[in-house]
C-alpha atoms as a PDB file:
ATOM      1  CA  MET A   1     -13.509 -26.343 -62.201  1.00  0.00           C
ATOM      2  CA  ASN A   2     -11.558 -26.022 -64.883  1.00  0.00           C
ATOM      3  CA  ILE A   3     -13.012 -23.035 -67.820  1.00  0.00           C
ATOM      4  CA  GLN A   4     -10.975 -22.290 -70.692  1.00  0.00           C
ATOM      5  CA  HIS A   5     -11.650 -19.386 -72.768  1.00  0.00           C
ATOM      6  CA  PHE A   6     -10.894 -19.027 -76.407  1.00  0.00           C
ATOM      7  CA  GLU A   7     -11.344 -15.520 -78.325  1.00  0.00           C
ATOM      8  CA  LYS A   8     -10.773 -15.260 -81.773  1.00  0.00           C
ATOM      9  CA  GLY A   9     -11.428 -11.631 -83.195  1.00  0.00           C
ATOM     10  CA  PHE A  10     -12.474  -9.955 -79.867  1.00  0.00           C
ATOM     11  CA  HIS A  11     -11.688  -9.507 -76.345  1.00  0.00           C
ATOM     12  CA  TYR A  12     -13.908  -9.999 -73.394  1.00  0.00           C
ATOM     13  CA  ASN A  13     -14.208  -6.856 -71.698  1.00  0.00           C
ATOM     14  CA  ASN A  14     -14.584  -7.046 -67.521  1.00  0.00           C
ATOM     15  CA  THR A  15     -18.192  -7.211 -66.908  1.00  0.00           C
ATOM     16  CA  GLU A  16     -18.523  -9.778 -69.652  1.00  0.00           C
ATOM     17  CA  LEU A  17     -15.923 -12.060 -68.284  1.00  0.00           C
ATOM     18  CA  LEU A  18     -17.745 -11.719 -64.904  1.00  0.00           C
ATOM     19  CA  THR A  19     -21.299 -12.292 -66.565  1.00  0.00           C
ATOM     20  CA  VAL A  20     -19.910 -15.268 -68.466  1.00  0.00           C
ATOM     21  CA  ALA A  21     -18.322 -16.955 -65.422  1.00  0.00           C
ATOM     22  CA  LYS A  22     -21.733 -16.439 -63.521  1.00  0.00           C
ATOM     23  CA  LYS A  23     -23.912 -18.348 -66.199  1.00  0.00           C
ATOM     24  CA  ILE A  24     -20.939 -20.850 -66.479  1.00  0.00           C
ATOM     25  CA  GLY A  25     -20.991 -21.243 -62.515  1.00  0.00           C
ATOM     26  CA  LYS A  26     -24.715 -22.161 -62.985  1.00  0.00           C
ATOM     27  CA  LEU A  27     -24.095 -25.547 -64.578  1.00  0.00           C
ATOM     28  CA  ALA A  28     -22.031 -26.473 -61.942  1.00  0.00           C
ATOM     29  CA  THR A  29     -25.279 -26.574 -59.607  1.00  0.00           C
ATOM     30  CA  TYR A  30     -26.849 -29.268 -61.551  1.00  0.00           C
ATOM     31  CA  CYS A  31     -24.104 -31.736 -61.218  1.00  0.00           C
ATOM     32  CA  GLN A  32     -21.320 -32.093 -58.661  1.00  0.00           C
ATOM     33  CA  LYS A  33     -19.335 -34.123 -61.703  1.00  0.00           C
ATOM     34  CA  ILE A  34     -18.459 -30.855 -63.420  1.00  0.00           C
ATOM     35  CA  LYS A  35     -16.738 -29.580 -60.255  1.00  0.00           C
ATOM     36  CA  ASP A  36     -14.027 -32.193 -60.250  1.00  0.00           C
ATOM     37  CA  GLU A  37     -10.469 -32.359 -61.236  1.00  0.00           C
ATOM     38  CA  GLY A  38     -11.303 -34.649 -64.860  1.00  0.00           C
ATOM     39  CA  SER A  39     -13.494 -32.077 -65.800  1.00  0.00           C
ATOM     40  CA  TYR A  40     -13.371 -29.055 -67.497  1.00  0.00           C
ATOM     41  CA  ILE A  41     -15.664 -26.494 -69.973  1.00  0.00           C
ATOM     42  CA  ARG A  42     -14.264 -24.985 -72.681  1.00  0.00           C
ATOM     43  CA  ILE A  43     -15.766 -21.556 -74.025  1.00  0.00           C
ATOM     44  CA  ASP A  44     -14.732 -20.619 -78.259  1.00  0.00           C
ATOM     45  CA  ALA A  45     -15.940 -17.006 -78.971  1.00  0.00           C
ATOM     46  CA  GLU A  46     -15.667 -15.999 -82.349  1.00  0.00           C
ATOM     47  CA  ASN A  47     -16.514 -12.927 -84.323  1.00  0.00           C
ATOM     48  CA  ARG A  48     -17.565 -13.318 -87.323  1.00  0.00           C
ATOM     49  CA  LYS A  49     -17.712 -11.119 -90.343  1.00  0.00           C
ATOM     50  CA  THR A  50     -21.458 -11.714 -91.863  1.00  0.00           C
ATOM     51  CA  GLU A  51     -23.870 -10.136 -93.427  1.00  0.00           C
ATOM     52  CA  LYS A  52     -26.604 -10.648 -90.795  1.00  0.00           C
ATOM     53  CA  LYS A  53     -25.869  -8.789 -87.708  1.00  0.00           C
ATOM     54  CA  ARG A  54     -27.867 -11.230 -85.495  1.00  0.00           C
ATOM     55  CA  ASP A  55     -25.374 -13.693 -86.256  1.00  0.00           C
ATOM     56  CA  ALA A  56     -22.170 -11.907 -85.250  1.00  0.00           C
ATOM     57  CA  MET A  57     -21.039 -13.765 -82.629  1.00  0.00           C
ATOM     58  CA  LYS A  58     -20.488 -17.411 -82.587  1.00  0.00           C
ATOM     59  CA  VAL A  59     -20.189 -19.151 -78.628  1.00  0.00           C
ATOM     60  CA  ALA A  60     -19.418 -22.845 -78.755  1.00  0.00           C
ATOM     61  CA  ILE A  61     -19.437 -24.516 -75.344  1.00  0.00           C
ATOM     62  CA  THR A  62     -17.993 -27.818 -74.405  1.00  0.00           C
ATOM     63  CA  VAL A  63     -18.438 -29.192 -71.201  1.00  0.00           C
ATOM     64  CA  LYS A  64     -16.099 -32.500 -70.658  1.00  0.00           C
ATOM     65  CA  LEU A  65     -17.421 -34.972 -67.844  1.00  0.00           C
ATOM     66  CA  PRO A  66     -15.717 -38.351 -66.741  1.00  0.00           C
ATOM     67  CA  THR A  67     -17.816 -40.388 -69.158  1.00  0.00           C
ATOM     68  CA  LYS A  68     -19.189 -37.930 -71.743  1.00  0.00           C
ATOM     69  CA  ILE A  69     -18.748 -34.510 -73.585  1.00  0.00           C
ATOM     70  CA  LEU A  70     -21.582 -32.412 -73.667  1.00  0.00           C
ATOM     71  CA  ARG A  71     -21.485 -29.365 -76.268  1.00  0.00           C
ATOM     72  CA  ALA A  72     -23.922 -26.638 -77.256  1.00  0.00           C
ATOM     73  CA  GLU A  73     -23.350 -23.347 -80.128  1.00  0.00           C
ATOM     74  CA  SER A  74     -25.298 -20.588 -80.454  1.00  0.00           C
ATOM     75  CA  ARG A  75     -25.025 -17.589 -82.622  1.00  0.00           C
ATOM     76  CA  ARG A  76     -26.012 -14.236 -81.010  1.00  0.00           C
ATOM     77  CA  PRO A  77     -25.209 -10.828 -81.749  1.00  0.00           C
ATOM     78  CA  ASP A  78     -24.182 -10.339 -78.190  1.00  0.00           C
ATOM     79  CA  VAL A  79     -21.528 -12.622 -76.311  1.00  0.00           C
ATOM     80  CA  CYS A  80     -23.483 -12.799 -73.153  1.00  0.00           C
ATOM     81  CA  GLU A  81     -26.751 -13.432 -74.872  1.00  0.00           C
ATOM     82  CA  ALA A  82     -25.287 -16.545 -76.872  1.00  0.00           C
ATOM     83  CA  VAL A  83     -23.348 -17.787 -73.720  1.00  0.00           C
ATOM     84  CA  ASP A  84     -27.047 -17.712 -72.093  1.00  0.00           C
ATOM     85  CA  ARG A  85     -28.500 -19.725 -74.639  1.00  0.00           C
ATOM     86  CA  CYS A  86     -26.001 -22.313 -74.860  1.00  0.00           C
ATOM     87  CA  VAL A  87     -26.264 -22.577 -71.022  1.00  0.00           C
ATOM     88  CA  GLU A  88     -30.176 -23.025 -71.596  1.00  0.00           C
ATOM     89  CA  LYS A  89     -29.180 -25.703 -73.911  1.00  0.00           C
ATOM     90  CA  LEU A  90     -26.558 -27.530 -71.630  1.00  0.00           C
ATOM     91  CA  SER A  91     -28.331 -27.661 -68.670  1.00  0.00           C
ATOM     92  CA  GLY A  92     -30.866 -29.883 -69.999  1.00  0.00           C
ATOM     93  CA  GLN A  93     -28.090 -32.189 -71.197  1.00  0.00           C
ATOM     94  CA  VAL A  94     -26.262 -31.697 -67.650  1.00  0.00           C
ATOM     95  CA  LYS A  95     -29.552 -33.134 -65.759  1.00  0.00           C
ATOM     96  CA  LYS A  96     -30.265 -36.082 -67.943  1.00  0.00           C
ATOM     97  CA  TYR A  97     -26.521 -37.011 -67.559  1.00  0.00           C
ATOM     98  CA  LYS A  98     -26.644 -36.660 -63.839  1.00  0.00           C
ATOM     99  CA  GLU A  99     -30.039 -38.927 -63.904  1.00  0.00           C
ATOM    100  CA  LEU A 100     -28.147 -41.208 -65.735  1.00  0.00           C
ATOM    101  CA  HIS A 101     -24.961 -41.638 -63.528  1.00  0.00           C
ATOM    102  CA  GLN A 102     -26.743 -40.825 -60.178  1.00  0.00           C
ATOM    103  CA  LYS A 103     -27.609 -43.829 -58.140  1.00  0.00           C
ATOM    104  CA  LYS A 104     -31.311 -43.254 -57.271  1.00  0.00           C
ATOM    105  CA  GLY A 105     -32.125 -41.089 -60.266  1.00  0.00           C
ATOM    106  CA  LYS A 106     -35.114 -42.236 -62.318  1.00  0.00           C
ATOM    107  CA  MET A 107     -33.369 -43.136 -65.444  1.00  0.00           C
ATOM    108  CA  GLN A 108     -31.145 -45.159 -63.413  1.00  0.00           C
ATOM    109  CA  LYS A 109     -34.075 -47.450 -62.289  1.00  0.00           C
ATOM    110  CA  ALA A 110     -35.575 -47.377 -65.754  1.00  0.00           C
ATOM    111  CA  ARG A 111     -32.281 -48.703 -66.973  1.00  0.00           C
ATOM    112  CA  LYS A 112     -31.959 -51.521 -63.914  1.00  0.00           C
ATOM    113  CA  LYS A 113     -35.411 -52.890 -64.788  1.00  0.00           C
ATOM    114  CA  GLY A 114     -34.786 -52.879 -68.492  1.00  0.00           C
ATOM    115  CA  LYS A 115     -31.946 -55.340 -67.712  1.00  0.00           C
ATOM    116  CA  LYS A 116     -33.922 -58.101 -66.028  1.00  0.00           C
END
């Protein structure tokens, strides 16, 4: 699994980096294609100077799979909270991708019935 981190305006400390890695690793449990060589996960984190302190951190996570690009974005006061929210958003997208591209998934069967 190839994970790329990009920070703008701040740097992860060791505990934050471990927490982010664990949360991103949960996505790989949903779909094996995330672990492939052709797939990667890109995490863009930016500390923004806004009047609303609850929107200070902007995190965008992009998951590139062989036939699809999944993306989630969140604005929270803390990096870990923003990553957690992005993982929640992406988990549904990854599950749907897996159902569409797995041989015995419900969505795959429905697509075949529709073509006949």
